[in-house]
Amino acid sequence: MDGGVVDMGAYEFVGSTPVHITGDFDDDCDVDGDGGDLDVFEACATGPGVAYNPAALPEPEPGCTLTPDDNGHVTADSDKDGDVDQIDFGVFQRCYSGENVPANRSCAN
């Protein structure tokens, strides 16, 4: 630079649309194991063909902390077929990044 003034405000990022990462149930940008996203997945698991129903889940409190969408699906139900099963766990495994390791945003594709 030649000693001039640079307007750093011209390069500020104004905003963005949050992007959900499949398997990142605690929204910390990683998909991790014990004490994190895996615990949430396990608490929400129903099994194949067993419709997701929070009242019927075996986990004690707090149990599944995910909120169903307007169609009754939770984010752990990655294939949106109404249950949280081995197929959904396979997607979780593909997206697993480890604690404090940023997850791949397109891991479910």
N, C-alpha and C. Protein backbone atom coordinates (compact mmCIF):
# COMPACT_ATOMS: atom_id res chain seq x y z
N MET A 1 0.83 -1.18 0.00
CA MET A 1 0.00 0.00 0.00
C MET A 1 0.87 1.24 0.00
N ASP A 2 0.29 2.31 -0.45
CA ASP A 2 1.04 3.56 -0.53
C ASP A 2 0.66 4.52 0.58
N GLY A 3 0.14 4.00 1.70
CA GLY A 3 -0.23 4.87 2.81
C GLY A 3 -1.65 5.39 2.72
N GLY A 4 -2.38 4.96 1.70
CA GLY A 4 -3.77 5.40 1.54
C GLY A 4 -4.69 4.71 2.52
N VAL A 5 -5.91 5.13 2.56
CA VAL A 5 -6.91 4.56 3.44
C VAL A 5 -7.72 3.52 2.66
N VAL A 6 -7.91 2.38 3.29
CA VAL A 6 -8.71 1.32 2.68
C VAL A 6 -10.02 1.21 3.44
N ASP A 7 -11.12 1.31 2.74
CA ASP A 7 -12.44 1.19 3.35
C ASP A 7 -12.76 -0.29 3.52
N MET A 8 -12.47 -0.82 4.71
CA MET A 8 -12.70 -2.24 4.96
C MET A 8 -14.19 -2.57 4.96
N GLY A 9 -15.02 -1.58 5.21
CA GLY A 9 -16.46 -1.80 5.22
C GLY A 9 -16.98 -2.26 3.87
N ALA A 10 -16.27 -1.96 2.82
CA ALA A 10 -16.71 -2.36 1.49
C ALA A 10 -16.62 -3.86 1.29
N TYR A 11 -15.90 -4.54 2.16
CA TYR A 11 -15.69 -5.98 2.00
C TYR A 11 -16.40 -6.81 3.07
N GLU A 12 -17.25 -6.18 3.85
CA GLU A 12 -17.95 -6.90 4.90
C GLU A 12 -18.99 -7.84 4.31
N PHE A 13 -19.15 -8.95 4.98
CA PHE A 13 -20.18 -9.91 4.58
C PHE A 13 -21.46 -9.52 5.31
N VAL A 14 -22.53 -9.33 4.58
CA VAL A 14 -23.76 -8.79 5.15
C VAL A 14 -24.65 -9.86 5.77
N GLY A 15 -24.67 -11.04 5.28
CA GLY A 15 -25.54 -12.06 5.86
C GLY A 15 -25.52 -13.32 5.04
N SER A 16 -26.16 -14.33 5.58
CA SER A 16 -26.23 -15.60 4.87
C SER A 16 -27.45 -16.37 5.33
N THR A 17 -27.78 -17.36 4.58
CA THR A 17 -28.85 -18.27 4.95
C THR A 17 -28.21 -19.48 5.61
N PRO A 18 -28.62 -19.81 6.84
CA PRO A 18 -28.02 -20.96 7.50
C PRO A 18 -28.27 -22.24 6.69
N VAL A 19 -27.25 -23.07 6.62
CA VAL A 19 -27.36 -24.34 5.91
C VAL A 19 -27.28 -25.46 6.94
N HIS A 20 -28.30 -26.32 6.95
CA HIS A 20 -28.27 -27.44 7.88
C HIS A 20 -27.34 -28.52 7.35
N ILE A 21 -26.51 -29.03 8.22
CA ILE A 21 -25.62 -30.14 7.88
C ILE A 21 -26.28 -31.42 8.40
N THR A 22 -26.51 -32.37 7.52
CA THR A 22 -27.14 -33.63 7.91
C THR A 22 -26.33 -34.28 9.03
N GLY A 23 -27.01 -34.65 10.10
CA GLY A 23 -26.37 -35.30 11.24
C GLY A 23 -25.89 -34.34 12.31
N ASP A 24 -25.86 -33.05 12.02
CA ASP A 24 -25.42 -32.05 13.01
C ASP A 24 -26.63 -31.59 13.80
N PHE A 25 -27.04 -32.40 14.76
CA PHE A 25 -28.27 -32.14 15.49
C PHE A 25 -28.13 -31.06 16.55
N ASP A 26 -26.89 -30.74 16.95
CA ASP A 26 -26.70 -29.68 17.94
C ASP A 26 -26.18 -28.38 17.32
N ASP A 27 -26.20 -28.31 15.99
CA ASP A 27 -25.85 -27.09 15.24
C ASP A 27 -24.51 -26.48 15.62
N ASP A 28 -23.49 -27.35 15.80
CA ASP A 28 -22.15 -26.84 16.09
C ASP A 28 -21.19 -27.06 14.93
N CYS A 29 -21.74 -27.36 13.75
CA CYS A 29 -21.00 -27.49 12.48
C CYS A 29 -20.15 -28.74 12.37
N ASP A 30 -20.25 -29.65 13.35
CA ASP A 30 -19.58 -30.95 13.21
C ASP A 30 -20.62 -32.04 13.44
N VAL A 31 -20.28 -33.25 13.04
CA VAL A 31 -21.12 -34.42 13.32
C VAL A 31 -20.24 -35.34 14.14
N ASP A 32 -20.56 -35.44 15.44
CA ASP A 32 -19.66 -36.14 16.34
C ASP A 32 -20.37 -37.21 17.16
N GLY A 33 -19.58 -37.88 17.99
CA GLY A 33 -20.04 -39.06 18.70
C GLY A 33 -20.57 -38.80 20.09
N ASP A 34 -20.13 -39.61 21.04
CA ASP A 34 -20.64 -39.59 22.41
C ASP A 34 -20.68 -38.17 22.97
N GLY A 35 -21.81 -37.84 23.56
CA GLY A 35 -22.00 -36.52 24.13
C GLY A 35 -22.44 -35.49 23.11
N GLY A 36 -22.65 -35.93 21.87
CA GLY A 36 -23.03 -35.00 20.82
C GLY A 36 -24.13 -35.56 19.94
N ASP A 37 -23.90 -35.48 18.65
CA ASP A 37 -24.92 -35.83 17.66
C ASP A 37 -25.32 -37.31 17.70
N LEU A 38 -24.37 -38.19 17.96
CA LEU A 38 -24.70 -39.62 18.02
C LEU A 38 -25.70 -39.91 19.13
N ASP A 39 -25.54 -39.26 20.27
CA ASP A 39 -26.48 -39.46 21.37
C ASP A 39 -27.90 -39.03 20.98
N VAL A 40 -27.99 -37.93 20.25
CA VAL A 40 -29.30 -37.45 19.80
C VAL A 40 -29.90 -38.47 18.82
N PHE A 41 -29.08 -38.94 17.88
CA PHE A 41 -29.58 -39.93 16.92
C PHE A 41 -30.10 -41.17 17.64
N GLU A 42 -29.32 -41.69 18.57
CA GLU A 42 -29.73 -42.91 19.29
C GLU A 42 -31.03 -42.69 20.06
N ALA A 43 -31.19 -41.51 20.64
CA ALA A 43 -32.41 -41.22 21.41
C ALA A 43 -33.64 -41.13 20.51
N CYS A 44 -33.44 -40.83 19.23
CA CYS A 44 -34.56 -40.67 18.29
C CYS A 44 -34.81 -41.92 17.46
N ALA A 45 -33.91 -42.91 17.53
CA ALA A 45 -34.03 -44.11 16.70
C ALA A 45 -35.29 -44.90 17.04
N THR A 46 -35.98 -45.36 15.98
CA THR A 46 -37.20 -46.14 16.17
C THR A 46 -37.06 -47.55 15.62
N GLY A 47 -36.31 -47.71 14.56
CA GLY A 47 -36.20 -48.99 13.88
C GLY A 47 -36.95 -48.95 12.57
N PRO A 48 -36.68 -49.93 11.68
CA PRO A 48 -37.30 -49.92 10.36
C PRO A 48 -38.81 -50.13 10.42
N GLY A 49 -39.53 -49.27 9.73
CA GLY A 49 -40.97 -49.39 9.64
C GLY A 49 -41.73 -48.99 10.89
N VAL A 50 -41.02 -48.52 11.92
CA VAL A 50 -41.66 -48.09 13.16
C VAL A 50 -41.76 -46.57 13.11
N ALA A 51 -42.97 -46.08 12.96
CA ALA A 51 -43.17 -44.64 12.81
C ALA A 51 -42.64 -43.87 14.01
N TYR A 52 -42.04 -42.71 13.72
CA TYR A 52 -41.53 -41.85 14.78
C TYR A 52 -42.70 -41.35 15.63
N ASN A 53 -42.62 -41.61 16.92
CA ASN A 53 -43.63 -41.15 17.87
C ASN A 53 -42.89 -40.86 19.17
N PRO A 54 -42.73 -39.58 19.54
CA PRO A 54 -41.96 -39.25 20.74
C PRO A 54 -42.45 -39.96 22.00
N ALA A 55 -43.73 -40.20 22.10
CA ALA A 55 -44.28 -40.84 23.30
C ALA A 55 -43.89 -42.31 23.40
N ALA A 56 -43.52 -42.93 22.29
CA ALA A 56 -43.22 -44.36 22.28
C ALA A 56 -41.72 -44.67 22.31
N LEU A 57 -40.89 -43.65 22.35
CA LEU A 57 -39.44 -43.88 22.34
C LEU A 57 -38.98 -44.42 23.68
N PRO A 58 -38.03 -45.36 23.68
CA PRO A 58 -37.60 -46.00 24.92
C PRO A 58 -36.66 -45.17 25.78
N GLU A 59 -36.05 -44.15 25.22
CA GLU A 59 -35.06 -43.37 25.97
C GLU A 59 -35.72 -42.61 27.13
N PRO A 60 -35.05 -42.60 28.28
CA PRO A 60 -35.55 -41.76 29.38
C PRO A 60 -35.32 -40.28 29.06
N GLU A 61 -35.83 -39.41 29.87
CA GLU A 61 -35.63 -37.97 29.65
C GLU A 61 -34.15 -37.67 29.54
N PRO A 62 -33.68 -36.75 28.70
CA PRO A 62 -34.51 -35.91 27.86
C PRO A 62 -34.97 -36.61 26.59
N GLY A 63 -34.46 -37.79 26.30
CA GLY A 63 -34.92 -38.50 25.10
C GLY A 63 -34.60 -37.73 23.84
N CYS A 64 -35.41 -37.94 22.82
CA CYS A 64 -35.20 -37.28 21.54
C CYS A 64 -35.56 -35.80 21.67
N THR A 65 -34.59 -34.95 21.46
CA THR A 65 -34.79 -33.51 21.62
C THR A 65 -35.11 -32.81 20.30
N LEU A 66 -35.23 -33.57 19.21
CA LEU A 66 -35.51 -32.97 17.91
C LEU A 66 -37.01 -32.70 17.77
N THR A 67 -37.33 -31.58 17.17
CA THR A 67 -38.73 -31.19 16.97
C THR A 67 -39.19 -31.62 15.58
N PRO A 68 -40.29 -32.36 15.51
CA PRO A 68 -40.80 -32.77 14.19
C PRO A 68 -41.21 -31.56 13.35
N ASP A 69 -41.04 -31.68 12.03
CA ASP A 69 -41.48 -30.62 11.12
C ASP A 69 -42.98 -30.76 10.88
N ASP A 70 -43.51 -29.98 9.97
CA ASP A 70 -44.95 -29.99 9.70
C ASP A 70 -45.47 -31.35 9.22
N ASN A 71 -44.57 -32.18 8.69
CA ASN A 71 -44.96 -33.52 8.22
C ASN A 71 -44.70 -34.61 9.25
N GLY A 72 -44.24 -34.21 10.44
CA GLY A 72 -43.97 -35.17 11.51
C GLY A 72 -42.60 -35.81 11.45
N HIS A 73 -41.71 -35.31 10.57
CA HIS A 73 -40.36 -35.87 10.45
C HIS A 73 -39.37 -35.08 11.29
N VAL A 74 -38.46 -35.79 11.93
CA VAL A 74 -37.34 -35.15 12.62
C VAL A 74 -36.13 -35.20 11.71
N THR A 75 -35.14 -34.35 11.96
CA THR A 75 -33.97 -34.29 11.07
C THR A 75 -33.17 -35.59 11.08
N ALA A 76 -33.30 -36.41 12.11
CA ALA A 76 -32.60 -37.70 12.12
C ALA A 76 -33.18 -38.66 11.08
N ASP A 77 -34.40 -38.41 10.64
CA ASP A 77 -35.05 -39.22 9.59
C ASP A 77 -34.62 -38.65 8.24
N SER A 78 -33.38 -38.91 7.86
CA SER A 78 -32.80 -38.26 6.68
C SER A 78 -33.49 -38.63 5.38
N ASP A 79 -34.11 -39.81 5.30
CA ASP A 79 -34.80 -40.18 4.06
C ASP A 79 -36.30 -39.85 4.11
N LYS A 80 -36.72 -39.23 5.19
CA LYS A 80 -38.11 -38.73 5.35
C LYS A 80 -39.16 -39.81 5.10
N ASP A 81 -38.90 -41.04 5.61
CA ASP A 81 -39.88 -42.11 5.43
C ASP A 81 -40.68 -42.38 6.70
N GLY A 82 -40.52 -41.52 7.71
CA GLY A 82 -41.33 -41.63 8.92
C GLY A 82 -40.71 -42.41 10.06
N ASP A 83 -39.56 -43.06 9.82
CA ASP A 83 -38.88 -43.76 10.90
C ASP A 83 -37.42 -43.31 10.94
N VAL A 84 -36.76 -43.61 12.05
CA VAL A 84 -35.33 -43.34 12.19
C VAL A 84 -34.68 -44.70 12.35
N ASP A 85 -34.04 -45.17 11.26
CA ASP A 85 -33.57 -46.55 11.22
C ASP A 85 -32.15 -46.65 10.67
N GLN A 86 -31.76 -47.87 10.29
CA GLN A 86 -30.41 -48.14 9.82
C GLN A 86 -30.06 -47.34 8.56
N ILE A 87 -31.02 -47.11 7.70
CA ILE A 87 -30.76 -46.30 6.50
C ILE A 87 -30.35 -44.89 6.92
N ASP A 88 -31.05 -44.34 7.89
CA ASP A 88 -30.72 -43.01 8.39
C ASP A 88 -29.35 -43.02 9.09
N PHE A 89 -29.05 -44.12 9.79
CA PHE A 89 -27.75 -44.22 10.45
C PHE A 89 -26.63 -44.28 9.42
N GLY A 90 -26.87 -44.93 8.29
CA GLY A 90 -25.86 -44.96 7.22
C GLY A 90 -25.53 -43.56 6.73
N VAL A 91 -26.54 -42.71 6.61
CA VAL A 91 -26.32 -41.32 6.21
C VAL A 91 -25.53 -40.60 7.30
N PHE A 92 -25.90 -40.84 8.56
CA PHE A 92 -25.18 -40.25 9.69
C PHE A 92 -23.69 -40.63 9.63
N GLN A 93 -23.41 -41.90 9.35
CA GLN A 93 -22.02 -42.35 9.26
C GLN A 93 -21.26 -41.64 8.14
N ARG A 94 -21.90 -41.44 6.99
CA ARG A 94 -21.25 -40.73 5.89
C ARG A 94 -20.93 -39.29 6.27
N CYS A 95 -21.75 -38.71 7.12
CA CYS A 95 -21.59 -37.31 7.49
C CYS A 95 -20.70 -37.13 8.72
N TYR A 96 -20.39 -38.21 9.42
CA TYR A 96 -19.59 -38.12 10.64
C TYR A 96 -18.25 -37.46 10.35
N SER A 97 -17.92 -36.44 11.14
CA SER A 97 -16.66 -35.72 10.94
C SER A 97 -15.75 -35.80 12.16
N GLY A 98 -16.32 -35.98 13.33
CA GLY A 98 -15.56 -35.97 14.57
C GLY A 98 -15.74 -34.64 15.29
N GLU A 99 -15.44 -34.66 16.57
CA GLU A 99 -15.62 -33.46 17.39
C GLU A 99 -14.74 -32.31 16.92
N ASN A 100 -15.35 -31.16 16.75
CA ASN A 100 -14.68 -29.92 16.34
C ASN A 100 -14.04 -30.00 14.96
N VAL A 101 -14.47 -30.94 14.14
CA VAL A 101 -14.01 -31.04 12.76
C VAL A 101 -15.20 -30.67 11.87
N PRO A 102 -15.10 -29.60 11.10
CA PRO A 102 -16.25 -29.19 10.28
C PRO A 102 -16.73 -30.31 9.37
N ALA A 103 -18.04 -30.50 9.37
CA ALA A 103 -18.64 -31.55 8.55
C ALA A 103 -18.79 -31.09 7.11
N ASN A 104 -18.79 -32.04 6.20
CA ASN A 104 -19.01 -31.77 4.78
C ASN A 104 -20.49 -31.48 4.57
N ARG A 105 -20.82 -30.31 4.08
CA ARG A 105 -22.22 -29.90 3.91
C ARG A 105 -22.96 -30.75 2.89
N SER A 106 -22.26 -31.42 2.00
CA SER A 106 -22.93 -32.23 0.99
C SER A 106 -22.74 -33.73 1.24
N CYS A 107 -22.46 -34.11 2.48
CA CYS A 107 -22.18 -35.50 2.81
C CYS A 107 -23.35 -36.44 2.54
N ALA A 108 -24.57 -35.94 2.60
CA ALA A 108 -25.74 -36.81 2.43
C ALA A 108 -26.07 -37.06 0.97
N ASN A 109 -25.42 -36.36 0.06
CA ASN A 109 -25.71 -36.52 -1.38
C ASN A 109 -24.98 -37.70 -1.97
